C-alpha cells in the first residue's frame, strides 16, 4: 500500500470557492452541433484522454479505449455509416415518443459535424482484458467506469476551451470496424471536439436545467 496523495489544506471558504469556480465553468458547457474546421493541437486531446484515464473504475481494470480520429478519410467513413443509421432512426425506428422528445432540439439525420470537427474521439468499453488488455480477463462495472471516464474527458475538453458533442448512433458496430478495434470492445459513444462554427446556436430547450432542489435530497 502507498500513502494517500496529499491534498491541499484548504479552509471551508476556500473549498466552497473552488467548488463554485468549477461549477461556474461547467455550467457554461453546452453540446455543439455546428463545428468549424479550425485545428486543435493533438496534445490537447492527449491530455484530455489522460485525464479520462484517471477515472475510478472496477478493480482498476481501466476498461476503456479512446480512438482519436483526425483522418479525413476515417471521419468521412464514420459520417457515412452514422448517417445511414440515423436515416433509419428518424424514419421511424426510434418510435414516436423518442422523436417527439428530440423535436425541441432540432436534430435530424444529417451529421456534417462528424467530418467538419477536427477530432472525433470514439469511446470503446472493454468487456474483457483486465489491466494487461489480454482480451480474456473479465472486466467489472464496465458501463459505470467508462461513463465516469467520459464525463472527465468532456470536462477536460471544456476547460481547454473546446466545444463538444456526444453522438450515439444506433447500432454502432461500424465504429469497431472503422477504428480497427477487437470484438470484445463495445462502441459506446463518439465525443466530437473542436471549436464552434461562427454563428453556432444552442436550442432554448437545452438551456433548461433542473434546479438543485429537484436533483438533490439531503438526508
Protein backbone atom coordinates (compact mmCIF):
# COMPACT_ATOMS: atom_id res chain seq x y z
CA UNK A 1 0.00 0.00 0.00
CA UNK A 2 1.07 3.57 -0.74
CA UNK A 3 0.23 6.72 1.22
CA UNK A 4 -2.85 8.58 0.01
CA UNK A 5 -1.78 11.53 -2.21
CA UNK A 6 -1.55 14.83 -0.38
CA UNK A 7 -4.49 17.16 -0.94
CA UNK A 8 -4.33 20.94 -0.49
CA UNK A 9 -5.08 22.10 3.05
CA UNK A 10 -7.99 24.43 2.37
CA UNK A 11 -10.29 26.35 4.65
CA UNK A 12 -14.05 25.87 4.36
CA UNK A 13 -14.25 29.13 2.45
CA UNK A 14 -11.52 28.05 0.02
CA UNK A 15 -13.23 24.71 -0.59
CA UNK A 16 -16.52 26.47 -1.30
CA UNK A 17 -14.77 28.93 -3.62
CA UNK A 18 -13.07 26.18 -5.62
CA UNK A 19 -16.30 24.21 -5.93
CA UNK A 20 -18.14 27.34 -7.06
CA UNK A 21 -15.48 28.16 -9.67
CA UNK A 22 -15.67 24.62 -11.07
CA UNK A 23 -19.46 24.85 -11.21
CA UNK A 24 -19.42 28.28 -12.87
CA UNK A 25 -17.12 26.93 -15.57
CA UNK A 26 -19.02 23.70 -16.23
CA UNK A 27 -22.45 25.35 -16.16
CA UNK A 28 -21.49 27.08 -19.41
CA UNK A 29 -20.81 23.80 -21.18
CA UNK A 30 -23.31 23.12 -23.94
CA UNK A 31 -23.48 20.49 -26.65
CA UNK A 32 -22.47 21.92 -30.02
CA UNK A 33 -23.82 20.71 -33.36
CA UNK A 34 -22.07 23.20 -35.66
CA UNK A 35 -18.26 22.99 -35.64
CA UNK A 36 -15.59 24.87 -37.56
CA UNK A 37 -12.64 23.07 -39.11
CA UNK A 38 -10.17 25.09 -37.02
CA UNK A 39 -7.31 22.84 -35.98
CA UNK A 40 -6.86 21.67 -32.39
CA UNK A 41 -3.40 20.50 -31.24
CA UNK A 42 -3.12 16.77 -30.72
CA UNK A 43 -1.57 17.43 -27.30
CA UNK A 44 -4.87 18.90 -26.07
CA UNK A 45 -6.65 15.67 -26.98
CA UNK A 46 -3.85 13.61 -25.42
CA UNK A 47 -4.20 15.40 -22.08
CA UNK A 48 -7.99 15.05 -22.16
CA UNK A 49 -7.68 11.30 -22.73
CA UNK A 50 -5.04 11.06 -19.99
CA UNK A 51 -7.47 12.81 -17.64
CA UNK A 52 -10.21 10.34 -18.61
CA UNK A 53 -7.79 7.50 -17.90
CA UNK A 54 -7.57 8.56 -14.25
CA UNK A 55 -11.29 7.88 -13.67
CA UNK A 56 -12.34 5.49 -10.88
CA UNK A 57 -13.16 2.07 -12.29
CA UNK A 58 -13.94 -1.51 -11.39
CA UNK A 59 -10.95 -3.44 -9.98
CA UNK A 60 -8.61 -0.90 -11.62
CA UNK A 61 -9.04 -2.78 -14.91
CA UNK A 62 -9.49 0.54 -16.73
CA UNK A 63 -11.96 -0.96 -19.24
CA UNK A 64 -11.80 1.73 -21.90
CA UNK A 65 -10.15 2.65 -25.16
CA UNK A 66 -10.28 6.07 -26.84
CA UNK A 67 -9.75 6.12 -30.60
CA UNK A 68 -8.82 9.71 -31.52
CA UNK A 69 -9.78 10.19 -35.16
CA UNK A 70 -8.48 13.11 -37.24
CA UNK A 71 -8.04 11.38 -40.61
CA UNK A 72 -10.42 12.94 -43.18
CA UNK A 73 -11.00 9.52 -44.74
CA UNK A 74 -11.86 7.93 -41.40
CA UNK A 75 -14.13 10.82 -40.43
CA UNK A 76 -15.93 10.58 -43.76
CA UNK A 77 -16.43 6.84 -43.31
CA UNK A 78 -17.82 7.40 -39.81
CA UNK A 79 -20.17 10.10 -41.06
CA UNK A 80 -21.49 7.98 -43.92
CA UNK A 81 -22.13 4.97 -41.70
CA UNK A 82 -23.63 7.06 -38.89
CA UNK A 83 -25.98 8.93 -41.23
CA UNK A 84 -27.21 5.64 -42.69
CA UNK A 85 -28.21 4.52 -39.19
CA UNK A 86 -29.68 7.94 -38.40
CA UNK A 87 -31.89 7.90 -41.51
CA UNK A 88 -33.44 4.66 -40.31
CA UNK A 89 -33.76 6.10 -36.82
CA UNK A 90 -35.63 9.22 -37.93
CA UNK A 91 -37.72 7.26 -40.44
CA UNK A 92 -39.50 5.54 -37.56
CA UNK A 93 -37.10 3.07 -35.97
CA UNK A 94 -36.90 5.28 -32.89
CA UNK A 95 -40.61 5.38 -32.23
CA UNK A 96 -42.87 8.41 -31.95
CA UNK A 97 -42.26 9.18 -28.28
CA UNK A 98 -38.50 9.35 -28.72
CA UNK A 99 -38.76 11.51 -31.82
CA UNK A 100 -41.16 13.84 -30.02
CA UNK A 101 -38.60 14.22 -27.21
CA UNK A 102 -35.90 15.16 -29.73
CA UNK A 103 -38.02 17.64 -31.67
CA UNK A 104 -37.23 20.68 -29.42
CA UNK A 105 -33.52 20.12 -30.10
CA UNK A 106 -33.99 20.33 -33.87
CA UNK A 107 -31.84 17.30 -34.67
CA UNK A 108 -32.12 15.24 -37.85
CA UNK A 109 -30.23 12.54 -39.78
CA UNK A 110 -27.63 14.93 -41.19
CA UNK A 111 -24.40 14.93 -39.18
CA UNK A 112 -21.90 17.17 -41.01
CA UNK A 113 -20.00 17.82 -37.76
CA UNK A 114 -18.62 14.28 -37.99
CA UNK A 115 -16.48 15.48 -40.90
CA UNK A 116 -16.04 19.15 -40.06
CA UNK A 117 -14.79 18.94 -36.47
CA UNK A 118 -11.04 18.33 -36.20
CA UNK A 119 -11.37 15.44 -33.75
CA UNK A 120 -13.73 12.55 -33.16
CA UNK A 121 -12.95 10.58 -30.01
CA UNK A 122 -14.60 7.19 -30.32
CA UNK A 123 -15.03 5.63 -26.88
CA UNK A 124 -14.96 1.86 -26.53
CA UNK A 125 -15.95 -0.14 -23.46
CA UNK A 126 -13.78 -3.20 -22.95
CA UNK A 127 -15.87 -6.09 -21.68
CA UNK A 128 -12.73 -8.20 -21.24
CA UNK A 129 -9.00 -7.64 -20.96
CA UNK A 130 -8.05 -6.52 -17.47
CA UNK A 131 -5.18 -4.10 -16.94
CA UNK A 132 -2.99 -6.18 -19.28
CA UNK A 133 -5.63 -5.98 -22.06
CA UNK A 134 -5.27 -9.70 -22.74
CA UNK A 135 -8.76 -9.99 -24.21
CA UNK A 136 -9.62 -12.77 -21.73
CA UNK A 137 -9.76 -11.40 -18.17
CA UNK A 138 -13.26 -10.33 -17.11
CA UNK A 139 -13.78 -6.61 -16.53
CA UNK A 140 -16.24 -5.25 -13.94
CA UNK A 141 -18.59 -2.27 -13.72
CA UNK A 142 -17.69 -1.51 -17.32
CA UNK A 143 -20.50 0.89 -18.24
CA UNK A 144 -20.22 2.76 -14.96
CA UNK A 145 -16.43 3.07 -15.28
CA UNK A 146 -16.48 4.23 -18.89
CA UNK A 147 -19.34 6.64 -18.18
CA UNK A 148 -17.33 8.36 -15.45
CA UNK A 149 -14.29 8.50 -17.75
CA UNK A 150 -16.36 10.14 -20.48
CA UNK A 151 -17.52 12.80 -18.05
CA UNK A 152 -13.93 13.57 -17.12
CA UNK A 153 -12.94 13.63 -20.80
CA UNK A 154 -15.67 16.14 -21.68
CA UNK A 155 -14.92 18.30 -18.62
CA UNK A 156 -11.23 18.49 -19.55
CA UNK A 157 -12.02 19.40 -23.16
CA UNK A 158 -14.35 22.13 -21.89
CA UNK A 159 -11.64 23.51 -19.60
CA UNK A 160 -9.34 23.60 -22.65
CA UNK A 161 -11.81 25.92 -24.36
CA UNK A 162 -13.30 23.41 -26.76
CA UNK A 163 -16.87 22.65 -27.71
CA UNK A 164 -18.06 19.05 -27.54
CA UNK A 165 -20.93 16.84 -28.57
CA UNK A 166 -21.74 13.28 -27.57
CA UNK A 167 -23.12 11.35 -30.54
CA UNK A 168 -24.57 7.84 -30.19
CA UNK A 169 -25.82 6.38 -33.48
CA UNK A 170 -27.52 3.02 -33.02
CA UNK A 171 -26.31 0.42 -33.72
CA UNK A 172 -22.66 1.43 -33.53
CA UNK A 173 -20.88 -1.74 -34.64
CA UNK A 174 -19.46 0.07 -37.67
CA UNK A 175 -17.22 2.08 -35.34
CA UNK A 176 -15.40 -1.08 -34.30
CA UNK A 177 -14.65 -1.87 -37.95
CA UNK A 178 -13.58 1.65 -38.94
CA UNK A 179 -11.41 2.12 -35.84
CA UNK A 180 -9.99 -1.41 -36.15
CA UNK A 181 -10.87 -2.49 -32.63
CA UNK A 182 -11.39 -6.08 -31.37
CA UNK A 183 -14.76 -7.80 -31.00
CA UNK A 184 -14.74 -7.70 -27.19
CA UNK A 185 -14.82 -3.91 -27.26
CA UNK A 186 -18.23 -2.22 -27.43
CA UNK A 187 -18.51 1.23 -29.06
CA UNK A 188 -20.18 3.48 -26.50
CA UNK A 189 -20.18 6.97 -28.00
CA UNK A 190 -18.44 9.48 -30.21
CA UNK A 191 -17.20 12.62 -28.50
CA UNK A 192 -16.91 15.34 -31.13
CA UNK A 193 -14.36 18.00 -30.17
CA UNK A 194 -13.36 21.30 -31.72
CA UNK A 195 -14.29 24.95 -32.00
CA UNK A 196 -17.87 26.07 -32.61
CA UNK A 197 -18.67 27.36 -36.07
CA UNK A 198 -19.32 31.07 -36.49
CA UNK A 199 -22.98 31.64 -35.73
CA UNK A 200 -23.41 28.32 -33.88
CA UNK A 201 -26.54 28.28 -31.73
CA UNK A 202 -27.95 26.35 -28.79
CA UNK A 203 -31.64 25.34 -28.64
CA UNK A 204 -33.56 27.15 -25.90
CA UNK A 205 -34.75 23.74 -24.71
CA UNK A 206 -31.14 22.79 -23.90
CA UNK A 207 -30.84 25.74 -21.54
CA UNK A 208 -33.45 24.33 -19.19
CA UNK A 209 -31.63 22.69 -16.29
CA UNK A 210 -33.28 21.17 -13.25
CA UNK A 211 -32.63 23.21 -10.08
CA UNK A 212 -30.64 21.84 -7.16
CA UNK A 213 -33.83 21.28 -5.17
CA UNK A 214 -35.03 18.86 -7.84
CA UNK A 215 -31.84 16.89 -8.46
CA UNK A 216 -30.64 16.52 -4.85
CA UNK A 217 -32.02 15.48 -1.48
CA UNK A 218 -30.37 15.97 1.89
CA UNK A 219 -30.97 13.13 4.36
